[in-house]
């Protein structure tokens, strides 16, 4: 056990100064810092189909206001009063006959 510890300390004494010396040679951080955020900007711009859509298309195709309000109201009601499940201990099990031919 003591010999293993001595060998570990010797290896660490050799490896740690080498790592510290090589750390000063690495100069990629300024390159990364210079290009910081470019990927995010590119993805954001790729998701924008038409940035000036509001200026040249005042009426976008869609559903009328009455239908939209009704859809939002029923969506909101579905969270206020969800339909209860018949049995809380049976999840995802059908009520049909799974046995077969009879």
Protein backbone atom coordinates (compact mmCIF):
# COMPACT_ATOMS: atom_id res chain seq x y z
CA UNK A 1 0.00 0.00 0.00
CA UNK A 2 2.79 2.41 0.89
CA UNK A 3 4.67 1.63 -2.34
CA UNK A 4 1.55 2.39 -4.40
CA UNK A 5 1.16 5.73 -2.66
CA UNK A 6 4.80 6.62 -3.32
CA UNK A 7 4.38 5.76 -7.02
CA UNK A 8 1.24 7.87 -7.23
CA UNK A 9 2.98 10.87 -5.67
CA UNK A 10 5.93 10.49 -8.08
CA UNK A 11 3.63 10.37 -11.10
CA UNK A 12 1.71 13.40 -9.87
CA UNK A 13 4.96 15.29 -9.32
CA UNK A 14 5.85 14.69 -12.98
CA UNK A 15 2.45 15.13 -14.61
CA UNK A 16 1.17 18.24 -12.80
CA UNK A 17 4.07 20.56 -13.77
CA UNK A 18 3.82 19.34 -17.37
CA UNK A 19 0.10 20.11 -17.45
CA UNK A 20 0.72 23.54 -15.97
CA UNK A 21 3.40 24.27 -18.57
CA UNK A 22 1.23 23.15 -21.46
CA UNK A 23 -1.70 25.17 -20.19
CA UNK A 24 0.17 28.37 -21.05
CA UNK A 25 0.49 27.25 -24.68
CA UNK A 26 -3.25 26.97 -25.25
CA UNK A 27 -4.60 30.05 -27.01
CA UNK A 28 -8.04 28.95 -28.21
CA UNK A 29 -10.05 30.95 -25.68
CA UNK A 30 -9.72 34.29 -27.53
CA UNK A 31 -10.95 32.56 -30.69
CA UNK A 32 -13.95 31.12 -28.86
CA UNK A 33 -14.67 34.48 -27.22
CA UNK A 34 -14.58 36.27 -30.55
CA UNK A 35 -17.24 33.95 -32.02
CA UNK A 36 -19.40 33.78 -28.90
CA UNK A 37 -23.12 33.74 -29.70
CA UNK A 38 -22.83 33.36 -33.46
CA UNK A 39 -24.54 29.96 -33.45
CA UNK A 40 -27.45 31.32 -31.42
CA UNK A 41 -27.84 34.29 -33.75
CA UNK A 42 -27.78 32.01 -36.81
CA UNK A 43 -30.40 29.67 -35.39
CA UNK A 44 -32.62 32.57 -34.34
CA UNK A 45 -32.42 34.14 -37.79
CA UNK A 46 -33.14 30.76 -39.43
CA UNK A 47 -36.38 30.50 -37.44
CA UNK A 48 -37.65 33.87 -38.63
CA UNK A 49 -39.58 33.31 -41.85
CA UNK A 50 -40.54 36.89 -42.57
CA UNK A 51 -39.32 39.52 -40.11
CA UNK A 52 -41.45 42.25 -41.79
CA UNK A 53 -44.68 40.26 -42.01
CA UNK A 54 -46.68 42.79 -40.02
CA UNK A 55 -45.80 45.58 -42.45
CA UNK A 56 -46.97 44.02 -45.70
CA UNK A 57 -49.65 41.49 -44.65
CA UNK A 58 -52.12 43.09 -42.24
CA UNK A 59 -54.57 40.17 -42.29
CA UNK A 60 -53.00 36.77 -41.84
CA UNK A 61 -55.00 33.67 -42.76
CA UNK A 62 -56.48 31.82 -39.80
CA UNK A 63 -59.69 31.28 -37.92
CA UNK A 64 -62.24 33.95 -37.03
CA UNK A 65 -62.35 35.54 -33.60
CA UNK A 66 -65.48 33.76 -32.40
CA UNK A 67 -64.03 30.32 -33.14
CA UNK A 68 -60.71 31.24 -31.55
CA UNK A 69 -62.41 32.52 -28.39
CA UNK A 70 -64.54 29.39 -28.16
CA UNK A 71 -61.49 27.14 -28.60
CA UNK A 72 -59.56 29.00 -25.91
CA UNK A 73 -62.55 28.88 -23.56
CA UNK A 74 -62.98 25.11 -23.93
CA UNK A 75 -59.22 24.66 -23.53
CA UNK A 76 -59.30 26.67 -20.30
CA UNK A 77 -62.35 24.73 -19.01
CA UNK A 78 -60.58 21.43 -19.64
CA UNK A 79 -57.99 22.39 -17.01
CA UNK A 80 -60.48 23.77 -14.50
CA UNK A 81 -62.66 20.64 -14.52
CA UNK A 82 -60.80 17.70 -16.07
CA UNK A 83 -62.75 14.57 -16.84
CA UNK A 84 -62.20 12.09 -14.02
CA UNK A 85 -60.84 8.66 -14.81
CA UNK A 86 -63.09 5.75 -13.77
CA UNK A 87 -60.40 4.02 -11.71
CA UNK A 88 -57.20 5.71 -10.55
CA UNK A 89 -55.35 2.39 -10.19
CA UNK A 90 -55.92 1.27 -13.78
CA UNK A 91 -53.92 3.47 -16.12
CA UNK A 92 -53.82 2.78 -19.84
CA UNK A 93 -55.72 -0.51 -19.65
CA UNK A 94 -58.62 -0.96 -22.03
CA UNK A 95 -62.00 -2.33 -21.02
CA UNK A 96 -62.30 -4.73 -23.98
CA UNK A 97 -61.71 -8.45 -24.03
CA UNK A 98 -58.01 -9.03 -24.60
CA UNK A 99 -58.34 -12.82 -24.31
CA UNK A 100 -59.30 -13.68 -27.80
CA UNK A 101 -61.99 -15.55 -29.63
CA UNK A 102 -64.84 -15.99 -27.16
